[in-house]
N, C-alpha and C. Protein backbone atom coordinates (compact mmCIF):
# COMPACT_ATOMS: atom_id res chain seq x y z
N UNK A 1 13.92 -13.42 12.90
CA UNK A 1 12.73 -12.73 12.43
C UNK A 1 12.84 -12.56 10.92
N UNK A 2 11.79 -12.90 10.22
CA UNK A 2 11.81 -12.76 8.77
C UNK A 2 11.48 -11.34 8.37
N UNK A 3 11.75 -11.08 7.14
CA UNK A 3 11.54 -9.74 6.61
C UNK A 3 10.10 -9.26 6.72
N UNK A 4 9.16 -10.17 6.61
CA UNK A 4 7.76 -9.76 6.61
C UNK A 4 7.07 -9.97 7.96
N UNK A 5 7.82 -10.37 8.97
CA UNK A 5 7.19 -10.55 10.27
C UNK A 5 6.97 -9.19 10.93
N UNK A 6 6.09 -9.19 11.90
CA UNK A 6 5.82 -7.94 12.60
C UNK A 6 6.40 -8.01 14.00
N UNK A 7 6.67 -6.88 14.55
CA UNK A 7 7.11 -6.82 15.93
C UNK A 7 5.86 -6.79 16.80
N UNK A 8 5.97 -7.20 18.07
CA UNK A 8 4.79 -7.12 18.94
C UNK A 8 4.21 -5.70 19.00
N UNK A 9 5.10 -4.69 18.99
CA UNK A 9 4.62 -3.31 19.04
C UNK A 9 3.82 -2.96 17.79
N UNK A 10 4.29 -3.44 16.64
CA UNK A 10 3.59 -3.13 15.39
C UNK A 10 2.21 -3.79 15.39
N UNK A 11 2.13 -5.04 15.87
CA UNK A 11 0.84 -5.72 15.95
C UNK A 11 -0.13 -4.97 16.87
N UNK A 12 0.37 -4.47 18.00
CA UNK A 12 -0.48 -3.75 18.93
C UNK A 12 -0.95 -2.42 18.36
N UNK A 13 -0.12 -1.80 17.54
CA UNK A 13 -0.46 -0.50 16.97
C UNK A 13 -1.31 -0.62 15.71
N UNK A 14 -1.40 -1.82 15.17
CA UNK A 14 -2.15 -2.00 13.94
C UNK A 14 -3.60 -1.62 14.16
N UNK A 15 -4.10 -0.71 13.36
CA UNK A 15 -5.49 -0.29 13.54
C UNK A 15 -6.44 -1.42 13.17
N UNK A 16 -7.46 -1.59 13.95
CA UNK A 16 -8.51 -2.56 13.64
C UNK A 16 -9.61 -1.80 12.91
N UNK A 17 -9.80 -2.12 11.65
CA UNK A 17 -10.75 -1.37 10.86
C UNK A 17 -11.73 -2.29 10.16
N UNK A 18 -12.87 -1.77 9.91
CA UNK A 18 -13.82 -2.47 9.05
C UNK A 18 -13.33 -2.33 7.63
N UNK A 19 -13.71 -3.25 6.75
CA UNK A 19 -13.29 -3.12 5.35
C UNK A 19 -13.69 -1.77 4.78
N UNK A 20 -12.81 -1.21 4.00
CA UNK A 20 -13.04 0.10 3.40
C UNK A 20 -13.90 -0.07 2.15
N UNK A 21 -14.89 0.79 2.03
CA UNK A 21 -15.70 0.80 0.81
C UNK A 21 -14.84 1.37 -0.30
N UNK A 22 -14.97 0.77 -1.46
CA UNK A 22 -14.17 1.23 -2.60
C UNK A 22 -14.84 2.47 -3.18
N UNK A 23 -14.14 3.61 -3.17
CA UNK A 23 -14.73 4.83 -3.74
C UNK A 23 -15.05 4.65 -5.22
N UNK A 24 -16.08 5.30 -5.68
CA UNK A 24 -16.53 5.17 -7.07
C UNK A 24 -15.46 5.60 -8.07
N UNK A 25 -14.58 6.52 -7.68
CA UNK A 25 -13.59 7.04 -8.61
C UNK A 25 -12.32 6.19 -8.67
N UNK A 26 -12.30 5.06 -7.97
CA UNK A 26 -11.14 4.16 -7.97
C UNK A 26 -11.15 3.25 -9.18
N UNK A 27 -9.96 3.03 -9.73
CA UNK A 27 -9.78 2.01 -10.75
C UNK A 27 -9.57 0.70 -10.00
N UNK A 28 -10.39 -0.30 -10.26
CA UNK A 28 -10.30 -1.57 -9.55
C UNK A 28 -9.40 -2.52 -10.32
N UNK A 29 -8.33 -2.95 -9.65
CA UNK A 29 -7.39 -3.91 -10.22
C UNK A 29 -7.80 -5.30 -9.74
N UNK A 30 -7.89 -6.25 -10.64
CA UNK A 30 -8.32 -7.62 -10.35
C UNK A 30 -9.68 -7.63 -9.62
N UNK A 31 -10.73 -7.19 -10.30
CA UNK A 31 -12.05 -7.13 -9.66
C UNK A 31 -12.57 -8.49 -9.22
N UNK A 32 -12.05 -9.56 -9.80
CA UNK A 32 -12.49 -10.90 -9.41
C UNK A 32 -11.99 -11.31 -8.02
N UNK A 33 -11.00 -10.59 -7.51
CA UNK A 33 -10.46 -10.88 -6.17
C UNK A 33 -11.49 -10.49 -5.12
N UNK A 34 -11.87 -11.44 -4.28
CA UNK A 34 -12.90 -11.18 -3.28
C UNK A 34 -12.33 -11.05 -1.87
N UNK A 35 -11.02 -11.17 -1.74
CA UNK A 35 -10.39 -11.07 -0.42
C UNK A 35 -10.10 -9.63 -0.03
N UNK A 36 -9.17 -9.48 0.89
CA UNK A 36 -8.80 -8.16 1.41
C UNK A 36 -8.23 -7.27 0.31
N UNK A 37 -8.60 -5.99 0.39
CA UNK A 37 -8.14 -5.00 -0.60
C UNK A 37 -7.60 -3.79 0.12
N UNK A 38 -6.83 -2.99 -0.62
CA UNK A 38 -6.37 -1.69 -0.12
C UNK A 38 -6.68 -0.65 -1.19
N UNK A 39 -6.66 0.60 -0.77
CA UNK A 39 -6.84 1.72 -1.70
C UNK A 39 -5.51 2.46 -1.76
N UNK A 40 -5.05 2.74 -2.97
CA UNK A 40 -3.77 3.41 -3.19
C UNK A 40 -4.01 4.70 -3.95
N UNK A 41 -3.38 5.77 -3.48
CA UNK A 41 -3.34 7.02 -4.24
C UNK A 41 -1.96 7.07 -4.87
N UNK A 42 -1.92 7.01 -6.20
CA UNK A 42 -0.67 7.02 -6.95
C UNK A 42 -0.41 8.44 -7.42
N UNK A 43 0.71 9.00 -6.96
CA UNK A 43 1.07 10.36 -7.36
C UNK A 43 2.33 10.32 -8.20
N UNK A 44 2.54 11.22 -9.11
CA UNK A 44 1.84 12.49 -9.28
C UNK A 44 0.60 12.42 -10.16
N UNK A 45 0.22 11.21 -10.62
CA UNK A 45 -0.94 11.09 -11.50
C UNK A 45 -2.27 11.37 -10.81
N UNK A 46 -2.28 11.35 -9.46
CA UNK A 46 -3.51 11.50 -8.68
C UNK A 46 -4.53 10.44 -9.08
N UNK A 47 -4.05 9.22 -9.24
CA UNK A 47 -4.87 8.09 -9.65
C UNK A 47 -5.17 7.24 -8.42
N UNK A 48 -6.45 6.94 -8.20
CA UNK A 48 -6.86 6.08 -7.09
C UNK A 48 -7.06 4.66 -7.61
N UNK A 49 -6.45 3.71 -6.92
CA UNK A 49 -6.52 2.31 -7.30
C UNK A 49 -7.03 1.48 -6.12
N UNK A 50 -7.81 0.48 -6.41
CA UNK A 50 -8.19 -0.51 -5.42
C UNK A 50 -7.59 -1.82 -5.90
N UNK A 51 -6.77 -2.44 -5.06
CA UNK A 51 -6.14 -3.68 -5.47
C UNK A 51 -6.06 -4.67 -4.32
N UNK A 52 -5.88 -5.97 -4.68
CA UNK A 52 -5.74 -6.97 -3.63
C UNK A 52 -4.59 -6.59 -2.71
N UNK A 53 -4.79 -6.81 -1.40
CA UNK A 53 -3.80 -6.40 -0.42
C UNK A 53 -2.49 -7.15 -0.58
N UNK A 54 -1.40 -6.40 -0.83
CA UNK A 54 -0.07 -7.01 -0.75
C UNK A 54 0.31 -7.10 0.72
N UNK A 55 1.23 -7.97 1.08
CA UNK A 55 1.61 -8.11 2.48
C UNK A 55 2.57 -7.02 2.94
N UNK A 56 3.40 -6.53 2.04
CA UNK A 56 4.39 -5.51 2.41
C UNK A 56 4.41 -4.39 1.38
N UNK A 57 5.06 -3.29 1.76
CA UNK A 57 5.17 -2.18 0.80
C UNK A 57 6.06 -2.60 -0.38
N UNK A 58 7.01 -3.50 -0.17
CA UNK A 58 7.84 -4.02 -1.27
C UNK A 58 6.96 -4.75 -2.28
N UNK A 59 6.03 -5.57 -1.80
CA UNK A 59 5.13 -6.28 -2.69
C UNK A 59 4.17 -5.32 -3.39
N UNK A 60 3.78 -4.26 -2.71
CA UNK A 60 2.91 -3.25 -3.33
C UNK A 60 3.62 -2.62 -4.52
N UNK A 61 4.87 -2.20 -4.32
CA UNK A 61 5.61 -1.58 -5.41
C UNK A 61 5.79 -2.56 -6.57
N UNK A 62 6.06 -3.82 -6.26
CA UNK A 62 6.19 -4.82 -7.32
C UNK A 62 4.88 -4.98 -8.08
N UNK A 63 3.75 -4.98 -7.37
CA UNK A 63 2.44 -5.11 -8.01
C UNK A 63 2.16 -3.93 -8.94
N UNK A 64 2.70 -2.77 -8.58
CA UNK A 64 2.50 -1.57 -9.40
C UNK A 64 3.57 -1.44 -10.49
N UNK A 65 4.53 -2.37 -10.51
CA UNK A 65 5.59 -2.34 -11.52
C UNK A 65 6.62 -1.25 -11.26
N UNK A 66 6.81 -0.90 -9.98
CA UNK A 66 7.76 0.16 -9.62
C UNK A 66 8.95 -0.42 -8.85
N UNK A 67 10.13 0.07 -9.13
CA UNK A 67 11.32 -0.33 -8.38
C UNK A 67 11.33 0.41 -7.05
N UNK A 68 11.87 -0.23 -6.01
CA UNK A 68 11.88 0.37 -4.67
C UNK A 68 12.54 1.74 -4.64
N UNK A 69 13.56 1.93 -5.47
CA UNK A 69 14.26 3.21 -5.43
C UNK A 69 13.59 4.32 -6.24
N UNK A 70 12.43 4.01 -6.83
CA UNK A 70 11.75 5.02 -7.65
C UNK A 70 10.46 5.55 -7.03
N UNK A 71 10.11 5.07 -5.81
CA UNK A 71 8.85 5.51 -5.21
C UNK A 71 8.92 5.45 -3.68
N UNK A 72 8.12 6.31 -3.06
CA UNK A 72 7.96 6.30 -1.61
C UNK A 72 6.57 5.78 -1.29
N UNK A 73 6.46 5.03 -0.20
CA UNK A 73 5.17 4.48 0.24
C UNK A 73 4.88 5.05 1.62
N UNK A 74 3.68 5.58 1.81
CA UNK A 74 3.31 6.16 3.12
C UNK A 74 1.91 5.73 3.50
N UNK A 75 1.70 5.63 4.82
CA UNK A 75 0.38 5.34 5.38
C UNK A 75 0.20 6.28 6.55
N UNK A 76 -0.90 6.99 6.58
CA UNK A 76 -1.19 7.94 7.67
C UNK A 76 -0.05 8.93 7.88
N UNK A 77 0.55 9.38 6.81
CA UNK A 77 1.61 10.38 6.89
C UNK A 77 2.96 9.84 7.30
N UNK A 78 3.10 8.52 7.47
CA UNK A 78 4.38 7.93 7.85
C UNK A 78 4.93 7.10 6.70
N UNK A 79 6.22 7.32 6.39
CA UNK A 79 6.86 6.54 5.34
C UNK A 79 7.00 5.10 5.79
N UNK A 80 6.82 4.18 4.85
CA UNK A 80 6.96 2.77 5.14
C UNK A 80 8.22 2.23 4.48
N UNK A 81 9.02 1.51 5.24
CA UNK A 81 10.17 0.84 4.66
C UNK A 81 9.66 -0.36 3.86
N UNK A 82 10.48 -0.91 2.96
CA UNK A 82 10.00 -1.99 2.09
C UNK A 82 9.47 -3.22 2.82
N UNK A 83 9.90 -3.46 4.04
CA UNK A 83 9.46 -4.66 4.76
C UNK A 83 8.25 -4.44 5.66
N UNK A 84 7.74 -3.22 5.71
CA UNK A 84 6.59 -2.94 6.60
C UNK A 84 5.31 -3.54 6.05
N UNK A 85 4.51 -4.07 6.96
CA UNK A 85 3.24 -4.70 6.58
C UNK A 85 2.21 -3.67 6.14
N UNK A 86 1.37 -4.12 5.24
CA UNK A 86 0.20 -3.35 4.82
C UNK A 86 -1.00 -4.19 5.23
N UNK A 87 -1.99 -3.55 5.82
CA UNK A 87 -3.12 -4.26 6.40
C UNK A 87 -4.36 -4.11 5.54
N UNK A 88 -5.28 -5.07 5.63
CA UNK A 88 -6.53 -4.95 4.86
C UNK A 88 -7.23 -3.63 5.18
N UNK A 89 -7.72 -2.98 4.16
CA UNK A 89 -8.43 -1.73 4.35
C UNK A 89 -7.54 -0.51 4.42
N UNK A 90 -6.21 -0.69 4.40
CA UNK A 90 -5.32 0.47 4.45
C UNK A 90 -5.53 1.37 3.25
N UNK A 91 -5.33 2.66 3.49
CA UNK A 91 -5.28 3.65 2.43
C UNK A 91 -3.84 4.13 2.38
N UNK A 92 -3.18 3.89 1.25
CA UNK A 92 -1.75 4.08 1.11
C UNK A 92 -1.46 5.08 0.01
N UNK A 93 -0.43 5.88 0.21
CA UNK A 93 0.05 6.82 -0.78
C UNK A 93 1.33 6.26 -1.39
N UNK A 94 1.39 6.22 -2.71
CA UNK A 94 2.62 5.84 -3.42
C UNK A 94 3.01 7.05 -4.25
N UNK A 95 4.16 7.62 -3.94
CA UNK A 95 4.64 8.82 -4.62
C UNK A 95 5.86 8.47 -5.44
N UNK A 96 5.73 8.58 -6.76
CA UNK A 96 6.88 8.33 -7.62
C UNK A 96 7.86 9.48 -7.45
N UNK A 97 9.13 9.15 -7.35
CA UNK A 97 10.15 10.17 -7.19
C UNK A 97 11.20 9.99 -8.27
N UNK A 98 11.81 11.08 -8.65
CA UNK A 98 12.88 11.04 -9.66
C UNK A 98 13.90 12.09 -9.28
N UNK A 99 15.14 11.77 -9.52
CA UNK A 99 16.17 12.76 -9.25
C UNK A 99 16.61 13.36 -10.58
N UNK A 100 17.00 14.60 -10.50
CA UNK A 100 17.51 15.25 -11.72
C UNK A 100 18.83 15.90 -11.35
N UNK A 101 19.68 15.94 -12.30
CA UNK A 101 21.02 16.41 -11.98
C UNK A 101 21.45 17.60 -12.75
């Protein structure tokens, strides 16, 4: 099984959704992209982004220029590991984290 493959259970649990309308307050990344998109809430900036759908949360972080160890990715209140799929129309939370000593 490859890193980006899904398990049968994950495929069955994947919500079937109509494409999400892009909220007016979203910053649109790559507006020329006409394919599947996702909406991201980037915290702590409270910035809403609409961007072309990455296949995994690892690819999402790379698209945002964030290292895996510097941010958490969640969907519907559940943390996503770097290899978890992101689906068209998903609304995802990316929370930047920092440790202080």
